[in-house]
Amino acid sequence: MTIQVNDAVPAVDVKTVVKDEMADANTGELFASGKTVLFGVPGAFTPTCSQAHLPGFVVHADAIKDKGVDRIVCMSVNDAFVMKAWGEASNASEIVMLADGNADFTEALGIELDAGGFGMGLRCKRFAMIIEDGKATGVFIEGPGEFEVSKAEYVLEQL
């Protein structure tokens, strides 16, 4: 079932890179307190994700944080080292790059995307979410081929 507004964000083990070492992270702990903007993309270094989605959050990071957001998190079904490299290549130093390599978090959120026809396997749908103290207070999931409600500009309007 797809996550809805007022649902608790599921606690799932994911990965990140800290000081060039893979590190464990748990979404339950990461999102337990404070206000977070989480956005997810089908794949690091893919065209829309690299040319528009992540760059929008990089450009608007300060404005988003000025609205009381404690952290901005980008998630994709990629490994932690790919996410780290993509963040560095995109000057995304203000954004936590979260790797859902096995799609466990994606499946727990109910936002799986079968991208097998593109040779990409299971991925997450393009989305954005506002999370406050562990609960989803805004959920914005794109339809196939769309890029409107998960844009940084749209999320900024919702804060």
Protein backbone atom coordinates (compact mmCIF):
# COMPACT_ATOMS: atom_id res chain seq x y z
CA MET A 1 0.00 0.00 0.00
CA THR A 2 1.29 3.46 -0.92
CA ILE A 3 2.21 5.78 1.94
CA GLN A 4 -0.40 8.44 2.63
CA VAL A 5 -0.49 11.73 4.53
CA ASN A 6 -0.43 11.10 8.31
CA ASP A 7 1.15 7.64 7.91
CA ALA A 8 4.28 6.86 9.89
CA VAL A 9 7.35 6.60 7.69
CA PRO A 10 8.48 2.95 7.77
CA ALA A 11 11.70 2.09 9.57
CA VAL A 12 13.98 0.37 7.06
CA ASP A 13 17.73 -0.13 6.94
CA VAL A 14 19.40 1.73 4.07
CA LYS A 15 22.94 2.89 3.30
CA THR A 16 24.91 6.09 2.99
CA VAL A 17 28.60 6.94 2.73
CA VAL A 18 30.38 8.69 5.58
CA LYS A 19 34.05 9.62 5.12
CA ASP A 20 34.40 7.26 2.13
CA GLU A 21 33.03 4.29 4.10
CA MET A 22 29.63 2.69 3.61
CA ALA A 23 27.48 3.27 6.68
CA ASP A 24 24.15 1.92 7.87
CA ALA A 25 21.22 4.25 8.32
CA ASN A 26 17.70 3.55 9.47
CA THR A 27 14.84 5.58 8.06
CA GLY A 28 12.92 5.33 11.33
CA GLU A 29 15.78 7.02 13.15
CA LEU A 30 16.66 9.45 10.35
CA PHE A 31 13.14 10.81 10.07
CA ALA A 32 12.04 10.41 13.74
CA SER A 33 12.41 14.04 14.72
CA GLY A 34 12.39 17.35 12.99
CA LYS A 35 11.18 18.30 9.55
CA THR A 36 12.56 16.62 6.45
CA VAL A 37 11.99 16.98 2.74
CA LEU A 38 12.62 13.60 1.13
CA PHE A 39 12.62 13.19 -2.61
CA GLY A 40 13.23 10.10 -4.65
CA VAL A 41 14.30 9.50 -8.20
CA PRO A 42 14.33 6.45 -10.48
CA GLY A 43 18.10 6.56 -10.87
CA ALA A 44 21.22 8.56 -10.15
CA PHE A 45 22.87 10.09 -13.21
CA THR A 46 19.75 9.56 -15.36
CA PRO A 47 18.63 12.49 -17.55
CA THR A 48 15.69 14.13 -15.73
CA CYS A 49 17.10 13.21 -12.33
CA SER A 50 20.49 14.81 -13.09
CA GLN A 51 19.39 17.72 -15.24
CA ALA A 52 16.35 18.88 -13.28
CA HIS A 53 15.27 16.98 -10.16
CA LEU A 54 18.40 16.98 -7.97
CA PRO A 55 19.60 20.37 -9.31
CA GLY A 56 16.29 21.97 -8.31
CA PHE A 57 16.80 20.92 -4.71
CA VAL A 58 20.42 22.08 -4.80
CA VAL A 59 19.37 25.53 -6.06
CA HIS A 60 16.47 25.86 -3.60
CA ALA A 61 18.10 24.21 -0.54
CA ASP A 62 18.46 27.46 1.39
CA ALA A 63 14.89 28.56 0.68
CA ILE A 64 13.59 25.14 1.73
CA LYS A 65 15.60 25.22 4.95
CA ASP A 66 14.37 28.78 5.60
CA LYS A 67 10.87 27.24 5.82
CA GLY A 68 11.93 25.27 8.91
CA VAL A 69 13.22 22.14 7.19
CA ASP A 70 16.03 20.46 9.10
CA ARG A 71 17.29 18.22 6.31
CA ILE A 72 16.81 17.50 2.64
CA VAL A 73 17.27 13.87 1.63
CA CYS A 74 17.59 12.42 -1.86
CA MET A 75 16.87 8.70 -2.24
CA SER A 76 17.32 6.31 -5.13
CA VAL A 77 17.55 2.58 -5.71
CA ASN A 78 21.30 2.74 -6.27
CA ASP A 79 24.27 1.78 -4.15
CA ALA A 80 25.73 4.16 -1.59
CA PHE A 81 28.89 4.88 -3.59
CA VAL A 82 26.89 5.83 -6.68
CA MET A 83 24.76 8.16 -4.56
CA LYS A 84 27.88 9.73 -3.04
CA ALA A 85 29.45 10.26 -6.47
CA TRP A 86 26.23 11.70 -7.87
CA GLY A 87 25.93 14.10 -4.95
CA GLU A 88 29.52 15.25 -5.42
CA ALA A 89 29.10 15.64 -9.19
CA SER A 90 25.94 17.70 -8.57
CA ASN A 91 27.36 19.96 -5.84
CA ALA A 92 24.69 18.59 -3.50
CA SER A 93 26.63 19.17 -0.28
CA GLU A 94 23.47 20.37 1.53
CA ILE A 95 21.58 17.19 0.66
CA VAL A 96 21.81 13.77 2.34
CA MET A 97 22.25 11.16 -0.39
CA LEU A 98 20.48 7.97 0.70
CA ALA A 99 20.96 4.61 -1.02
CA ASP A 100 18.06 2.16 -1.10
CA GLY A 101 20.10 -0.41 -2.98
CA ASN A 102 17.77 -3.34 -2.40
CA ALA A 103 14.59 -1.23 -2.81
CA ASP A 104 13.48 -2.20 0.71
CA PHE A 105 12.47 1.36 1.64
CA THR A 106 10.87 1.86 -1.77
CA GLU A 107 8.74 -1.25 -1.28
CA ALA A 108 7.85 -0.26 2.30
CA LEU A 109 6.62 3.10 0.96
CA GLY A 110 4.64 1.33 -1.78
CA ILE A 111 6.22 3.34 -4.60
CA GLU A 112 7.91 0.64 -6.68
CA LEU A 113 8.50 1.18 -10.37
CA ASP A 114 9.26 -1.72 -12.70
CA ALA A 115 11.90 -0.21 -14.98
CA GLY A 116 12.93 -3.61 -16.35
CA GLY A 117 11.96 -2.52 -19.85
CA PHE A 118 14.76 0.04 -19.64
CA GLY A 119 17.26 -2.45 -18.19
CA MET A 120 17.03 -0.81 -14.76
CA GLY A 121 15.05 -3.40 -12.79
CA LEU A 122 13.05 -2.36 -9.75
CA ARG A 123 13.28 1.37 -8.95
CA CYS A 124 11.23 3.94 -7.07
CA LYS A 125 8.72 6.23 -8.67
CA ARG A 126 9.68 9.89 -8.81
CA PHE A 127 8.30 11.48 -5.64
CA ALA A 128 8.71 14.02 -2.88
CA MET A 129 7.53 13.90 0.70
CA ILE A 130 7.41 16.23 3.67
CA ILE A 131 8.05 14.35 6.90
CA GLU A 132 7.53 15.83 10.36
CA ASP A 133 8.57 13.88 13.44
CA GLY A 134 8.33 10.55 11.64
CA LYS A 135 4.99 11.15 9.90
CA ALA A 136 4.31 12.01 6.28
CA THR A 137 2.61 15.41 6.16
CA GLY A 138 2.86 15.79 2.40
CA VAL A 139 3.12 13.03 -0.22
CA PHE A 140 3.66 13.93 -3.88
CA ILE A 141 4.04 11.00 -6.28
CA GLU A 142 4.48 11.51 -10.00
CA GLY A 143 2.60 9.56 -12.63
CA PRO A 144 4.54 7.81 -15.41
CA GLY A 145 6.67 10.28 -17.36
CA GLU A 146 5.58 13.24 -15.21
CA PHE A 147 7.73 15.76 -13.37
CA GLU A 148 5.60 18.37 -11.63
CA VAL A 149 4.64 17.60 -8.01
CA SER A 150 8.05 16.35 -6.91
CA LYS A 151 9.96 19.41 -8.13
CA ALA A 152 11.74 21.51 -5.55
CA GLU A 153 9.68 24.53 -6.53
CA TYR A 154 6.40 22.67 -5.93
CA VAL A 155 7.56 21.27 -2.60
CA LEU A 156 8.70 24.74 -1.52
CA GLU A 157 5.16 26.03 -2.19
CA GLN A 158 3.75 23.27 0.03
CA LEU A 159 5.94 24.09 3.05
